[in-house]
Amino acid sequence: MERVSIYEAAGGAPAFVALAAAHHNRCLADPVLEHPFSHGIDPDHVEHLAAYWAEVLGGPPTYSTKYGDHSEVVRVHAGHDMEPDLGERFVACFVAAADDAGLPDEPELRAALRAYMEWATSAMYGYNARDAVVPSGMTMPRWGWSGLEESPVIEERRS
C-alpha cells in the first residue's frame, strides 16, 4: 500500500492555509524576519504561500497552475543579501507555526516538514547575492518522506 503524501498527512489544503497564516504572523512578529515585509505585503501572500508549500509537499498543482513556476518564487526572495541567521530564524518560525496551525504532532511528519524547510532556505541562499540571476522556467521541487524527490530544473521552452 502506498503511503499518503506529506500534504495529506498534514491535513490537506486547510492545514496548509493555517500553516501559511501562522508562519506569516510569526515572521511579522520577528524583528529580523519582518524586514522583508516592510516594503508592503501582497494581500494574497498567505494564499499563495499555502498553495506553494502544498504543491511542493505532495498536494495539487494549484500554485504552478494559477501563479507561476518555481522561478517566480525564487525571484521574490533573490538578491536580498540576507543575513546568515535569517534561514535559521525562518525555519524556527516554520516549526513553531506547525504547532500554531494545529498540524498533527507526528514525529515523522514534523521531521519531514523541518527537513524540507531547511533545504528550501538553504537553496534560497544560492540566489542571495544582490546581482543574483534567477533562470526562467524552473520546475517546482517535490519533497517527500525521504527528502527531495524532484529538484527544480529549467524547462525547455518550445515554440
Protein backbone atom coordinates (compact mmCIF):
# COMPACT_ATOMS: atom_id res chain seq x y z
CA MET A 1 0.00 0.00 0.00
CA GLU A 2 1.33 3.43 -0.95
CA ARG A 3 1.90 5.94 1.81
CA VAL A 4 -0.03 9.21 1.82
CA SER A 5 1.83 12.37 0.89
CA ILE A 6 3.12 14.87 3.42
CA TYR A 7 0.33 17.15 2.18
CA GLU A 8 -2.32 14.58 3.10
CA ALA A 9 -0.67 13.63 6.40
CA ALA A 10 -0.60 17.29 7.42
CA GLY A 11 -4.31 17.71 6.78
CA GLY A 12 -4.60 18.89 3.18
CA ALA A 13 -5.44 22.37 1.96
CA PRO A 14 -6.95 23.71 5.22
CA ALA A 15 -3.82 22.69 7.13
CA PHE A 16 -1.55 24.49 4.67
CA VAL A 17 -3.63 27.66 4.78
CA ALA A 18 -3.43 27.56 8.60
CA LEU A 19 0.33 26.85 8.45
CA ALA A 20 0.97 29.69 5.99
CA ALA A 21 -1.09 32.13 8.09
CA ALA A 22 0.64 31.10 11.32
CA HIS A 23 4.08 31.32 9.70
CA HIS A 24 3.31 34.70 8.18
CA ASN A 25 2.21 36.03 11.59
CA ARG A 26 5.35 34.68 13.25
CA CYS A 27 7.57 36.29 10.61
CA LEU A 28 5.84 39.64 11.06
CA ALA A 29 6.42 39.38 14.82
CA ASP A 30 10.14 38.61 14.41
CA PRO A 31 12.34 41.76 14.39
CA VAL A 32 14.59 40.36 11.65
CA LEU A 33 12.14 38.39 9.53
CA GLU A 34 9.60 41.21 9.36
CA HIS A 35 12.04 43.42 7.45
CA PRO A 36 11.32 41.90 4.01
CA PHE A 37 7.66 42.75 4.56
CA SER A 38 8.44 46.42 5.31
CA HIS A 39 8.06 47.21 1.60
CA GLY A 40 4.44 46.06 1.67
CA ILE A 41 2.61 42.77 1.78
CA ASP A 42 0.78 41.16 -1.09
CA PRO A 43 -2.78 40.72 0.20
CA ASP A 44 -2.80 37.19 -1.26
CA HIS A 45 0.55 36.22 0.28
CA VAL A 46 -0.86 33.59 2.65
CA GLU A 47 -2.97 32.00 -0.08
CA HIS A 48 -0.01 31.85 -2.47
CA LEU A 49 2.34 30.53 0.21
CA ALA A 50 -0.13 27.82 1.23
CA ALA A 51 -0.59 26.75 -2.39
CA TYR A 52 3.18 26.67 -2.98
CA TRP A 53 4.01 24.58 0.11
CA ALA A 54 1.05 22.29 -0.56
CA GLU A 55 2.19 21.60 -4.12
CA VAL A 56 5.82 21.01 -3.17
CA LEU A 57 4.79 18.64 -0.38
CA GLY A 58 2.53 16.42 -2.48
CA GLY A 59 -0.65 18.42 -2.97
CA PRO A 60 -2.38 19.58 -6.13
CA PRO A 61 -0.58 21.81 -8.66
CA THR A 62 -2.55 24.89 -7.65
CA TYR A 63 0.46 27.18 -7.35
CA SER A 64 2.01 26.31 -10.70
CA THR A 65 -1.38 26.38 -12.43
CA LYS A 66 -2.54 29.73 -11.03
CA TYR A 67 0.50 31.73 -10.00
CA GLY A 68 3.69 30.65 -11.76
CA ASP A 69 6.61 28.31 -11.54
CA HIS A 70 9.45 27.91 -9.08
CA SER A 71 11.36 30.74 -10.77
CA GLU A 72 8.64 33.16 -9.64
CA VAL A 73 9.07 32.11 -6.01
CA VAL A 74 12.85 32.32 -6.15
CA ARG A 75 12.73 35.77 -7.77
CA VAL A 76 10.70 37.15 -4.88
CA HIS A 77 13.40 36.02 -2.45
CA ALA A 78 16.52 36.57 -4.58
CA GLY A 79 19.05 39.36 -4.34
CA HIS A 80 18.31 40.45 -0.78
CA ASP A 81 21.78 39.77 0.64
CA MET A 82 20.19 38.02 3.63
CA GLU A 83 22.00 37.69 6.92
CA PRO A 84 23.37 34.20 7.60
CA ASP A 85 20.98 33.55 10.51
CA LEU A 86 17.85 34.51 8.56
CA GLY A 87 17.35 30.94 7.36
CA GLU A 88 17.58 29.54 10.88
CA ARG A 89 15.06 32.09 12.13
CA PHE A 90 12.75 31.29 9.23
CA VAL A 91 12.93 27.55 9.95
CA ALA A 92 12.30 28.16 13.67
CA CYS A 93 9.19 30.20 12.82
CA PHE A 94 8.02 27.47 10.45
CA VAL A 95 8.44 24.75 13.08
CA ALA A 96 6.57 26.82 15.68
CA ALA A 97 3.88 27.70 13.13
CA ALA A 98 3.16 24.00 12.66
CA ASP A 99 2.15 23.95 16.34
CA ASP A 100 0.16 27.18 16.00
CA ALA A 101 -1.70 25.75 13.00
CA GLY A 102 -2.55 22.55 14.84
CA LEU A 103 -0.77 20.21 12.45
CA PRO A 104 -0.55 16.63 13.69
CA ASP A 105 2.16 16.18 16.29
CA GLU A 106 3.51 13.14 14.48
CA PRO A 107 7.33 13.00 14.70
CA GLU A 108 7.92 11.76 11.17
CA LEU A 109 5.66 14.44 9.71
CA ARG A 110 7.31 17.18 11.74
CA ALA A 111 10.78 15.91 10.77
CA ALA A 112 9.83 15.90 7.07
CA LEU A 113 8.45 19.45 7.29
CA ARG A 114 11.57 20.71 9.06
CA ALA A 115 13.88 18.94 6.61
CA TYR A 116 12.02 20.49 3.69
CA MET A 117 12.24 24.00 5.11
CA GLU A 118 15.93 23.59 5.93
CA TRP A 119 16.56 22.51 2.34
CA ALA A 120 14.40 25.33 0.94
CA THR A 121 16.09 28.09 2.94
CA SER A 122 19.50 26.71 2.08
CA ALA A 123 18.57 26.63 -1.62
CA MET A 124 17.43 30.27 -1.48
CA TYR A 125 20.88 31.31 -0.28
CA GLY A 126 22.13 30.26 -3.72
CA TYR A 127 20.35 33.37 -5.01
CA ASN A 128 21.20 35.63 -2.09
CA ALA A 129 23.71 37.95 -3.79
CA ARG A 130 22.40 41.35 -4.87
CA ASP A 131 23.25 40.53 -8.51
CA ALA A 132 21.71 37.03 -8.45
CA VAL A 133 20.11 35.96 -11.70
CA VAL A 134 17.21 33.54 -11.46
CA PRO A 135 16.67 31.46 -14.57
CA SER A 136 13.19 31.37 -16.07
CA GLY A 137 11.18 28.19 -16.34
CA MET A 138 12.32 26.39 -13.19
CA THR A 139 10.02 23.49 -12.36
CA MET A 140 8.52 23.04 -8.93
CA PRO A 141 10.55 20.99 -6.47
CA ARG A 142 8.86 17.93 -4.98
CA TRP A 143 9.56 16.90 -1.42
CA GLY A 144 8.57 13.53 0.04
CA TRP A 145 9.10 11.46 3.14
CA SER A 146 12.67 10.63 2.09
CA GLY A 147 13.58 14.16 1.05
CA LEU A 148 13.93 15.83 -2.32
CA GLU A 149 12.22 13.71 -4.96
CA GLU A 150 12.31 16.17 -7.84
CA SER A 151 14.76 19.02 -7.96
CA PRO A 152 13.89 22.25 -9.76
CA VAL A 153 15.13 22.18 -13.34
CA ILE A 154 14.80 24.65 -16.16
CA GLU A 155 12.11 23.52 -18.57
CA GLU A 156 12.95 23.76 -22.24
CA ARG A 157 10.68 26.20 -23.98
CA ARG A 158 9.48 25.02 -27.37
CA SER A 159 7.95 27.42 -29.85
